[in-house]
Amino acid sequence: MRTRVPKKGFGWVAGMAGLALVLLVAGAGDAQTKRKLSMGTGTIGGLYYIFGGALAKALNEAVPEVEITAESTPGSVANAQMIQAGKMAIGFSQATAAYESYNGVGWTKGTRHDKIRALVALYPAALTVYTLESRNIHTLKDLNGKDVSLGPAGAGVDQFGRNLFEVLGIKPKRIHNLPHEQTAKAVGDGQLDAGMTVQLAPWPGLKDLETSVNKVPCDSVIIATPIDLNRIIKIRKPNTRVYYDLQEIGKPDMNDILIDFLRGRKIKIKK
């Protein structure tokens, strides 16, 4: 799935992957007067960092008993590690990374981060793979043999992307760990084939897409992404959106996977 833009411009492979941003917190402790807390966000310039600074300001104004400081970190995995180690009280995390952290699966290699708790689900996030039109990348399989950045090491999307590549049998030429804003710039400059991010739209990198689309000399823009780009960027050209159906081919399908999941946890399934 991608937006087709004549000549230069960005192509996008985007989809909802059951991802969400959750706010993690350490297990409850003793109450104190004017308690100082640190909150792990993400890399400077990224959405976690921007969102975290605003959230810390709002909480400090609303709850005078605490003083929260938003700190720049690599992201989801690093935040879970620091909360577990007692070096941080609150942290942002991708839902998949939080699940793996608490249950001791995936990147944790069997080590449970049992001190973390989910405080609140903040927003649904879209898994987005972006590339230049000239790279001729149409599907995830086309990332075989390509230079791809998955965001900074310690970010949730880094672990999610590596797991996704393993499951799908995709072998990029090289996986880079650049911060999200640097990744977007490197893709736009042609230094990387593609970048991957999990963000709430519109994230700062989408401004590059908006600029690119509006600079391209063309008669019309065809929008074929799962969400209508007109809702998140301003396209100052004639445009139209196309729709399509997705068909599951082969087994197991999503229904089979969900049934196995529920049975494995002894959850009753209604006929």
C-alpha atoms as a PDB file:
ATOM      1  CA  MET A   1       0.000   0.000   0.000  1.00  0.00           C
ATOM      2  CA  ARG A   2       1.438   3.382  -0.861  1.00  0.00           C
ATOM      3  CA  THR A   3       0.618   6.773  -2.223  1.00  0.00           C
ATOM      4  CA  ARG A   4       1.681   7.136  -5.821  1.00  0.00           C
ATOM      5  CA  VAL A   5       3.262  10.491  -6.618  1.00  0.00           C
ATOM      6  CA  PRO A   6       4.683  11.093 -10.116  1.00  0.00           C
ATOM      7  CA  LYS A   7       8.454  11.530 -10.432  1.00  0.00           C
ATOM      8  CA  LYS A   8       9.997  12.336  -7.058  1.00  0.00           C
ATOM      9  CA  GLY A   9       8.123  12.241  -3.781  1.00  0.00           C
ATOM     10  CA  PHE A  10       7.403   9.734  -1.047  1.00  0.00           C
ATOM     11  CA  GLY A  11       5.772   6.337  -1.264  1.00  0.00           C
ATOM     12  CA  TRP A  12       4.260   4.938   1.918  1.00  0.00           C
ATOM     13  CA  VAL A  13       3.477   1.499   3.256  1.00  0.00           C
ATOM     14  CA  ALA A  14       1.258   2.089   6.260  1.00  0.00           C
ATOM     15  CA  GLY A  15      -1.057   0.000   8.386  1.00  0.00           C
ATOM     16  CA  MET A  16      -2.545  -0.415  11.815  1.00  0.00           C
ATOM     17  CA  ALA A  17      -0.733  -3.221  13.604  1.00  0.00           C
ATOM     18  CA  GLY A  18      -2.527  -3.356  16.931  1.00  0.00           C
ATOM     19  CA  LEU A  19      -0.062  -0.810  18.280  1.00  0.00           C
ATOM     20  CA  ALA A  20      -0.671   1.839  20.885  1.00  0.00           C
ATOM     21  CA  LEU A  21       1.324   4.155  23.082  1.00  0.00           C
ATOM     22  CA  VAL A  22       0.991   3.362  26.766  1.00  0.00           C
ATOM     23  CA  LEU A  23       2.399   5.208  29.741  1.00  0.00           C
ATOM     24  CA  LEU A  24       4.334   2.939  32.087  1.00  0.00           C
ATOM     25  CA  VAL A  25       4.835   3.583  35.769  1.00  0.00           C
ATOM     26  CA  ALA A  26       6.797   1.883  38.543  1.00  0.00           C
ATOM     27  CA  GLY A  27       4.940   0.012  41.264  1.00  0.00           C
ATOM     28  CA  ALA A  28       3.402   2.243  43.937  1.00  0.00           C
ATOM     29  CA  GLY A  29       5.669   3.633  46.651  1.00  0.00           C
ATOM     30  CA  ASP A  30       5.273   5.754  49.774  1.00  0.00           C
ATOM     31  CA  ALA A  31       3.600   9.119  49.406  1.00  0.00           C
ATOM     32  CA  GLN A  32       5.841  12.147  49.853  1.00  0.00           C
ATOM     33  CA  THR A  33       5.401  15.890  49.857  1.00  0.00           C
ATOM     34  CA  LYS A  34       6.388  17.468  46.528  1.00  0.00           C
ATOM     35  CA  ARG A  35       7.650  14.210  45.087  1.00  0.00           C
ATOM     36  CA  LYS A  36      10.120  14.583  42.223  1.00  0.00           C
ATOM     37  CA  LEU A  37       9.639  12.122  39.366  1.00  0.00           C
ATOM     38  CA  SER A  38      11.471  11.576  36.084  1.00  0.00           C
ATOM     39  CA  MET A  39       9.543  10.616  32.948  1.00  0.00           C
ATOM     40  CA  GLY A  40      11.297   8.861  30.064  1.00  0.00           C
ATOM     41  CA  THR A  41      10.151   9.985  26.619  1.00  0.00           C
ATOM     42  CA  GLY A  42      12.152   9.441  23.403  1.00  0.00           C
ATOM     43  CA  THR A  43      14.793  11.035  21.225  1.00  0.00           C
ATOM     44  CA  ILE A  44      14.875  14.830  20.886  1.00  0.00           C
ATOM     45  CA  GLY A  45      12.620  15.964  18.051  1.00  0.00           C
ATOM     46  CA  GLY A  46      10.517  12.791  18.141  1.00  0.00           C
ATOM     47  CA  LEU A  47       6.837  12.643  19.094  1.00  0.00           C
ATOM     48  CA  TYR A  48       7.460  10.996  22.512  1.00  0.00           C
ATOM     49  CA  TYR A  49       9.801  13.843  23.461  1.00  0.00           C
ATOM     50  CA  ILE A  50       7.394  16.558  22.288  1.00  0.00           C
ATOM     51  CA  PHE A  51       4.360  14.881  23.852  1.00  0.00           C
ATOM     52  CA  GLY A  52       6.253  14.130  27.076  1.00  0.00           C
ATOM     53  CA  GLY A  53       7.310  17.728  27.618  1.00  0.00           C
ATOM     54  CA  ALA A  54       3.738  18.955  27.228  1.00  0.00           C
ATOM     55  CA  LEU A  55       2.364  16.189  29.451  1.00  0.00           C
ATOM     56  CA  ALA A  56       4.890  16.883  32.216  1.00  0.00           C
ATOM     57  CA  LYS A  57       3.980  20.587  32.161  1.00  0.00           C
ATOM     58  CA  ALA A  58       0.259  19.810  32.370  1.00  0.00           C
ATOM     59  CA  LEU A  59       0.708  17.324  35.225  1.00  0.00           C
ATOM     60  CA  ASN A  60       2.918  19.692  37.210  1.00  0.00           C
ATOM     61  CA  GLU A  61       0.260  22.391  36.957  1.00  0.00           C
ATOM     62  CA  ALA A  62      -2.593  20.013  37.833  1.00  0.00           C
ATOM     63  CA  VAL A  63      -0.880  18.075  40.643  1.00  0.00           C
ATOM     64  CA  PRO A  64       1.182  20.433  42.843  1.00  0.00           C
ATOM     65  CA  GLU A  65       2.336  17.521  45.036  1.00  0.00           C
ATOM     66  CA  VAL A  66       4.654  16.237  42.292  1.00  0.00           C
ATOM     67  CA  GLU A  67       7.377  17.688  40.097  1.00  0.00           C
ATOM     68  CA  ILE A  68       7.806  15.697  36.876  1.00  0.00           C
ATOM     69  CA  THR A  69      10.782  16.170  34.587  1.00  0.00           C
ATOM     70  CA  ALA A  70      10.569  14.863  31.004  1.00  0.00           C
ATOM     71  CA  GLU A  71      13.872  13.282  29.956  1.00  0.00           C
ATOM     72  CA  SER A  72      15.118  12.313  26.507  1.00  0.00           C
ATOM     73  CA  THR A  73      15.759   8.558  26.156  1.00  0.00           C
ATOM     74  CA  PRO A  74      16.142   6.081  23.262  1.00  0.00           C
ATOM     75  CA  GLY A  75      12.491   5.067  23.711  1.00  0.00           C
ATOM     76  CA  SER A  76      10.207   2.207  24.789  1.00  0.00           C
ATOM     77  CA  VAL A  77      12.710  -0.533  25.616  1.00  0.00           C
ATOM     78  CA  ALA A  78      15.102   1.810  27.409  1.00  0.00           C
ATOM     79  CA  ASN A  79      12.237   3.284  29.429  1.00  0.00           C
ATOM     80  CA  ALA A  80      11.106  -0.152  30.619  1.00  0.00           C
ATOM     81  CA  GLN A  81      14.673  -1.052  31.581  1.00  0.00           C
ATOM     82  CA  MET A  82      15.164   2.147  33.578  1.00  0.00           C
ATOM     83  CA  ILE A  83      11.817   1.800  35.371  1.00  0.00           C
ATOM     84  CA  GLN A  84      12.708  -1.772  36.317  1.00  0.00           C
ATOM     85  CA  ALA A  85      16.098  -0.632  37.616  1.00  0.00           C
ATOM     86  CA  GLY A  86      14.526   2.138  39.694  1.00  0.00           C
ATOM     87  CA  LYS A  87      16.199   4.894  37.669  1.00  0.00           C
ATOM     88  CA  MET A  88      12.937   6.321  36.361  1.00  0.00           C
ATOM     89  CA  ALA A  89       9.377   6.564  37.653  1.00  0.00           C
ATOM     90  CA  ILE A  90       7.315   6.970  34.469  1.00  0.00           C
ATOM     91  CA  GLY A  91       7.989   6.214  30.815  1.00  0.00           C
ATOM     92  CA  PHE A  92       6.414   6.118  27.374  1.00  0.00           C
ATOM     93  CA  SER A  93       6.220   2.762  25.623  1.00  0.00           C
ATOM     94  CA  GLN A  94       4.839   1.136  22.520  1.00  0.00           C
ATOM     95  CA  ALA A  95       2.235  -1.425  23.620  1.00  0.00           C
ATOM     96  CA  THR A  96       4.087  -4.370  22.064  1.00  0.00           C
ATOM     97  CA  ALA A  97       7.316  -3.431  23.863  1.00  0.00           C
ATOM     98  CA  ALA A  98       5.450  -3.034  27.164  1.00  0.00           C
ATOM     99  CA  TYR A  99       3.866  -6.474  26.756  1.00  0.00           C
ATOM    100  CA  GLU A 100       7.231  -8.101  26.069  1.00  0.00           C
ATOM    101  CA  SER A 101       8.824  -6.244  28.979  1.00  0.00           C
ATOM    102  CA  TYR A 102       6.326  -7.380  31.584  1.00  0.00           C
ATOM    103  CA  ASN A 103       6.026 -10.962  30.347  1.00  0.00           C
ATOM    104  CA  GLY A 104       9.746 -11.555  29.772  1.00  0.00           C
ATOM    105  CA  VAL A 105       9.419 -12.472  26.095  1.00  0.00           C
ATOM    106  CA  GLY A 106      10.875 -11.118  22.861  1.00  0.00           C
ATOM    107  CA  TRP A 107      13.791  -8.709  23.352  1.00  0.00           C
ATOM    108  CA  THR A 108      13.948  -9.436  27.119  1.00  0.00           C
ATOM    109  CA  LYS A 109      15.369 -12.931  26.510  1.00  0.00           C
ATOM    110  CA  GLY A 110      13.372 -14.339  29.433  1.00  0.00           C
ATOM    111  CA  THR A 111      13.929 -11.525  31.959  1.00  0.00           C
ATOM    112  CA  ARG A 112      10.626 -10.207  33.290  1.00  0.00           C
ATOM    113  CA  HIS A 113      10.360  -6.507  34.023  1.00  0.00           C
ATOM    114  CA  ASP A 114       7.779  -7.151  36.710  1.00  0.00           C
ATOM    115  CA  LYS A 115       7.941  -3.760  38.392  1.00  0.00           C
ATOM    116  CA  ILE A 116       6.294  -1.890  35.532  1.00  0.00           C
ATOM    117  CA  ARG A 117       2.586  -1.124  35.379  1.00  0.00           C
ATOM    118  CA  ALA A 118       0.448   0.296  32.583  1.00  0.00           C
ATOM    119  CA  LEU A 119      -0.800   3.689  33.705  1.00  0.00           C
ATOM    120  CA  VAL A 120      -2.885   4.776  30.707  1.00  0.00           C
ATOM    121  CA  ALA A 121      -3.252   4.080  26.990  1.00  0.00           C
ATOM    122  CA  LEU A 122      -2.612   7.419  25.282  1.00  0.00           C
ATOM    123  CA  TYR A 123      -3.353   6.886  21.591  1.00  0.00           C
ATOM    124  CA  PRO A 124      -3.437   4.321  18.745  1.00  0.00           C
ATOM    125  CA  ALA A 125      -0.330   4.494  16.571  1.00  0.00           C
ATOM    126  CA  ALA A 126       0.205   3.532  12.940  1.00  0.00           C
ATOM    127  CA  LEU A 127       3.116   1.370  11.818  1.00  0.00           C
ATOM    128  CA  THR A 128       4.481   3.298   8.856  1.00  0.00           C
ATOM    129  CA  VAL A 129       7.192   2.335   6.392  1.00  0.00           C
ATOM    130  CA  TYR A 130       8.198   5.181   4.092  1.00  0.00           C
ATOM    131  CA  THR A 131      10.449   5.357   1.057  1.00  0.00           C
ATOM    132  CA  LEU A 132      11.186   7.409  -2.045  1.00  0.00           C
ATOM    133  CA  GLU A 133       9.125   6.698  -5.159  1.00  0.00           C
ATOM    134  CA  SER A 134      12.323   6.008  -7.074  1.00  0.00           C
ATOM    135  CA  ARG A 135      13.254   3.080  -4.793  1.00  0.00           C
ATOM    136  CA  ASN A 136      10.465   0.967  -6.308  1.00  0.00           C
ATOM    137  CA  ILE A 137       9.416  -0.474  -2.933  1.00  0.00           C
ATOM    138  CA  HIS A 138       5.779  -1.603  -3.008  1.00  0.00           C
ATOM    139  CA  THR A 139       5.516  -4.169  -0.176  1.00  0.00           C
ATOM    140  CA  LEU A 140       7.406  -5.178   2.957  1.00  0.00           C
ATOM    141  CA  LYS A 141       9.001  -8.036   1.002  1.00  0.00           C
ATOM    142  CA  ASP A 142      10.684  -5.438  -1.208  1.00  0.00           C
ATOM    143  CA  LEU A 143      12.830  -4.460   1.789  1.00  0.00           C
ATOM    144  CA  ASN A 144      14.958  -7.560   1.172  1.00  0.00           C
ATOM    145  CA  GLY A 145      18.498  -6.420   0.464  1.00  0.00           C
ATOM    146  CA  LYS A 146      17.719  -2.777   1.293  1.00  0.00           C
ATOM    147  CA  ASP A 147      19.203  -0.292   3.772  1.00  0.00           C
ATOM    148  CA  VAL A 148      16.494   0.325   6.379  1.00  0.00           C
ATOM    149  CA  SER A 149      16.448   2.399   9.571  1.00  0.00           C
ATOM    150  CA  LEU A 150      14.224   1.296  12.458  1.00  0.00           C
ATOM    151  CA  GLY A 151      14.735   4.330  14.650  1.00  0.00           C
ATOM    152  CA  PRO A 152      17.138   4.497  17.601  1.00  0.00           C
ATOM    153  CA  ALA A 153      18.309   1.364  19.410  1.00  0.00           C
ATOM    154  CA  GLY A 154      16.104   0.998  22.471  1.00  0.00           C
ATOM    155  CA  ALA A 155      13.002   2.210  20.656  1.00  0.00           C
ATOM    156  CA  GLY A 156       9.943  -0.046  20.526  1.00  0.00           C
ATOM    157  CA  VAL A 157       9.790   0.079  16.732  1.00  0.00           C
ATOM    158  CA  ASP A 158      13.375  -1.224  16.523  1.00  0.00           C
ATOM    159  CA  GLN A 159      12.427  -4.451  18.302  1.00  0.00           C
ATOM    160  CA  PHE A 160       9.063  -4.653  16.554  1.00  0.00           C
ATOM    161  CA  GLY A 161      10.667  -4.181  13.139  1.00  0.00           C
ATOM    162  CA  ARG A 162      13.305  -6.853  13.750  1.00  0.00           C
ATOM    163  CA  ASN A 163      10.622  -9.283  14.932  1.00  0.00           C
ATOM    164  CA  LEU A 164       8.510  -8.464  11.885  1.00  0.00           C
ATOM    165  CA  PHE A 165      11.427  -9.096   9.521  1.00  0.00           C
ATOM    166  CA  GLU A 166      12.168 -12.430  11.202  1.00  0.00           C
ATOM    167  CA  VAL A 167       8.553 -13.631  11.006  1.00  0.00           C
ATOM    168  CA  LEU A 168       8.196 -12.588   7.351  1.00  0.00           C
ATOM    169  CA  GLY A 169      11.641 -13.855   6.340  1.00  0.00           C
ATOM    170  CA  ILE A 170      12.807 -10.396   5.263  1.00  0.00           C
ATOM    171  CA  LYS A 171      16.561  -9.811   5.235  1.00  0.00           C
ATOM    172  CA  PRO A 172      17.533  -6.166   4.734  1.00  0.00           C
ATOM    173  CA  LYS A 173      21.043  -5.447   3.505  1.00  0.00           C
ATOM    174  CA  ARG A 174      21.634  -3.480   6.675  1.00  0.00           C
ATOM    175  CA  ILE A 175      19.525  -2.257   9.597  1.00  0.00           C
ATOM    176  CA  HIS A 176      20.408   1.219  10.842  1.00  0.00           C
ATOM    177  CA  ASN A 177      19.435   2.796  14.165  1.00  0.00           C
ATOM    178  CA  LEU A 178      19.150   6.499  13.432  1.00  0.00           C
ATOM    179  CA  PRO A 179      16.814   8.776  15.403  1.00  0.00           C
ATOM    180  CA  HIS A 180      13.488   9.205  13.626  1.00  0.00           C
ATOM    181  CA  GLU A 181      14.118  12.723  12.346  1.00  0.00           C
ATOM    182  CA  GLN A 182      17.552  11.738  10.999  1.00  0.00           C
ATOM    183  CA  THR A 183      16.001   8.668   9.387  1.00  0.00           C
ATOM    184  CA  ALA A 184      13.412  10.804   7.557  1.00  0.00           C
ATOM    185  CA  LYS A 185      16.162  13.133   6.310  1.00  0.00           C
ATOM    186  CA  ALA A 186      18.380  10.231   5.185  1.00  0.00           C
ATOM    187  CA  VAL A 187      15.484   8.632   3.275  1.00  0.00           C
ATOM    188  CA  GLY A 188      14.630  11.960   1.657  1.00  0.00           C
ATOM    189  CA  ASP A 189      18.283  12.487   0.647  1.00  0.00           C
ATOM    190  CA  GLY A 190      18.486   8.999  -0.859  1.00  0.00           C
ATOM    191  CA  GLN A 191      21.042   7.744   1.681  1.00  0.00           C
ATOM    192  CA  LEU A 192      18.635   5.068   2.948  1.00  0.00           C
ATOM    193  CA  ASP A 193      16.105   2.959   1.063  1.00  0.00           C
ATOM    194  CA  ALA A 194      13.378   3.104   3.715  1.00  0.00           C
ATOM    195  CA  GLY A 195      12.518   4.070   7.272  1.00  0.00           C
ATOM    196  CA  MET A 196      10.090   2.599   9.775  1.00  0.00           C
ATOM    197  CA  THR A 197       8.251   4.350  12.578  1.00  0.00           C
ATOM    198  CA  VAL A 198       5.263   3.853  14.885  1.00  0.00           C
ATOM    199  CA  GLN A 199       3.705   7.254  15.489  1.00  0.00           C
ATOM    200  CA  LEU A 200       0.462   9.117  15.973  1.00  0.00           C
ATOM    201  CA  ALA A 201      -0.316  10.963  12.764  1.00  0.00           C
ATOM    202  CA  PRO A 202       0.714  13.577  11.988  1.00  0.00           C
ATOM    203  CA  TRP A 203       4.263  13.103  13.289  1.00  0.00           C
ATOM    204  CA  PRO A 204       6.955  15.691  12.501  1.00  0.00           C
ATOM    205  CA  GLY A 205       8.322  13.638   9.596  1.00  0.00           C
ATOM    206  CA  LEU A 206       5.002  14.012   7.787  1.00  0.00           C
ATOM    207  CA  LYS A 207       5.859  17.659   7.161  1.00  0.00           C
ATOM    208  CA  ASP A 208       8.554  16.392   4.794  1.00  0.00           C
ATOM    209  CA  LEU A 209       5.899  14.379   2.959  1.00  0.00           C
ATOM    210  CA  GLU A 210       3.648  17.422   2.703  1.00  0.00           C
ATOM    211  CA  THR A 211       6.482  19.550   1.328  1.00  0.00           C
ATOM    212  CA  SER A 212       7.526  16.836  -1.128  1.00  0.00           C
ATOM    213  CA  VAL A 213       4.008  16.206  -2.466  1.00  0.00           C
ATOM    214  CA  ASN A 214       3.329  19.893  -3.007  1.00  0.00           C
ATOM    215  CA  LYS A 215       6.660  20.510  -4.763  1.00  0.00           C
ATOM    216  CA  VAL A 216       6.208  17.742  -7.335  1.00  0.00           C
ATOM    217  CA  PRO A 217       4.962  19.019 -10.739  1.00  0.00           C
ATOM    218  CA  CYS A 218       1.891  16.879 -11.465  1.00  0.00           C
ATOM    219  CA  ASP A 219      -1.735  17.205 -12.531  1.00  0.00           C
ATOM    220  CA  SER A 220      -3.221  15.117  -9.730  1.00  0.00           C
ATOM    221  CA  VAL A 221      -2.297  13.127  -6.607  1.00  0.00           C
ATOM    222  CA  ILE A 222      -3.773   9.649  -6.051  1.00  0.00           C
ATOM    223  CA  ILE A 223      -4.150   8.717  -2.372  1.00  0.00           C
ATOM    224  CA  ALA A 224      -4.101   4.970  -1.708  1.00  0.00           C
ATOM    225  CA  THR A 225      -3.091   4.873   1.967  1.00  0.00           C
ATOM    226  CA  PRO A 226      -5.299   3.280   4.681  1.00  0.00           C
ATOM    227  CA  ILE A 227      -6.030   6.754   6.055  1.00  0.00           C
ATOM    228  CA  ASP A 228      -6.972   9.815   4.013  1.00  0.00           C
ATOM    229  CA  LEU A 229      -3.833  11.959   3.807  1.00  0.00           C
ATOM    230  CA  ASN A 230      -6.021  15.048   3.459  1.00  0.00           C
ATOM    231  CA  ARG A 231      -6.859  14.623   7.145  1.00  0.00           C
ATOM    232  CA  ILE A 232      -3.233  14.968   8.283  1.00  0.00           C
ATOM    233  CA  ILE A 233      -1.443  17.075   5.644  1.00  0.00           C
ATOM    234  CA  LYS A 234      -2.450  19.895   3.306  1.00  0.00           C
ATOM    235  CA  ILE A 235      -2.285  18.756  -0.332  1.00  0.00           C
ATOM    236  CA  ARG A 236      -2.522  21.850  -2.500  1.00  0.00           C
ATOM    237  CA  LYS A 237      -3.189  19.908  -5.704  1.00  0.00           C
ATOM    238  CA  PRO A 238      -6.195  18.134  -7.222  1.00  0.00           C
ATOM    239  CA  ASN A 239      -6.380  14.740  -5.555  1.00  0.00           C
ATOM    240  CA  THR A 240      -8.544  11.672  -5.263  1.00  0.00           C
ATOM    241  CA  ARG A 241      -8.583   8.690  -2.942  1.00  0.00           C
ATOM    242  CA  VAL A 242      -8.837   5.096  -4.165  1.00  0.00           C
ATOM    243  CA  TYR A 243     -10.160   2.179  -2.115  1.00  0.00           C
ATOM    244  CA  TYR A 244      -9.467  -1.529  -2.211  1.00  0.00           C
ATOM    245  CA  ASP A 245     -10.233  -4.747  -0.339  1.00  0.00           C
ATOM    246  CA  LEU A 246      -7.687  -6.986   1.358  1.00  0.00           C
ATOM    247  CA  GLN A 247      -8.100 -10.745   1.110  1.00  0.00           C
ATOM    248  CA  GLU A 248      -6.495 -13.257   3.457  1.00  0.00           C
ATOM    249  CA  ILE A 249      -4.886 -16.088   1.519  1.00  0.00           C
ATOM    250  CA  GLY A 250      -3.659 -19.296   3.129  1.00  0.00           C
ATOM    251  CA  LYS A 251      -3.759 -20.711   6.625  1.00  0.00           C
ATOM    252  CA  PRO A 252      -3.605 -19.904   9.473  1.00  0.00           C
ATOM    253  CA  ASP A 253      -5.715 -16.796   8.930  1.00  0.00           C
ATOM    254  CA  MET A 254      -6.463 -14.149  11.563  1.00  0.00           C
ATOM    255  CA  ASN A 255      -9.494 -16.070  12.846  1.00  0.00           C
ATOM    256  CA  ASP A 256      -7.383 -19.210  13.407  1.00  0.00           C
ATOM    257  CA  ILE A 257      -4.708 -17.222  15.251  1.00  0.00           C
ATOM    258  CA  LEU A 258      -7.245 -15.571  17.549  1.00  0.00           C
ATOM    259  CA  ILE A 259      -8.946 -18.886  18.357  1.00  0.00           C
ATOM    260  CA  ASP A 260      -5.593 -20.512  19.239  1.00  0.00           C
ATOM    261  CA  PHE A 261      -4.727 -17.506  21.415  1.00  0.00           C
ATOM    262  CA  LEU A 262      -8.010 -17.669  23.330  1.00  0.00           C
ATOM    263  CA  ARG A 263      -7.877 -21.462  23.775  1.00  0.00           C
ATOM    264  CA  GLY A 264      -4.285 -21.260  25.014  1.00  0.00           C
ATOM    265  CA  ARG A 265      -5.488 -18.969  27.793  1.00  0.00           C
ATOM    266  CA  LYS A 266      -8.597 -21.038  28.478  1.00  0.00           C
ATOM    267  CA  ILE A 267     -10.928 -18.222  27.455  1.00  0.00           C
ATOM    268  CA  LYS A 268     -14.394 -19.378  26.439  1.00  0.00           C
ATOM    269  CA  ILE A 269     -15.317 -18.796  22.816  1.00  0.00           C
ATOM    270  CA  LYS A 270     -18.920 -18.043  21.966  1.00  0.00           C
ATOM    271  CA  LYS A 271     -20.249 -20.156  19.111  1.00  0.00           C
END
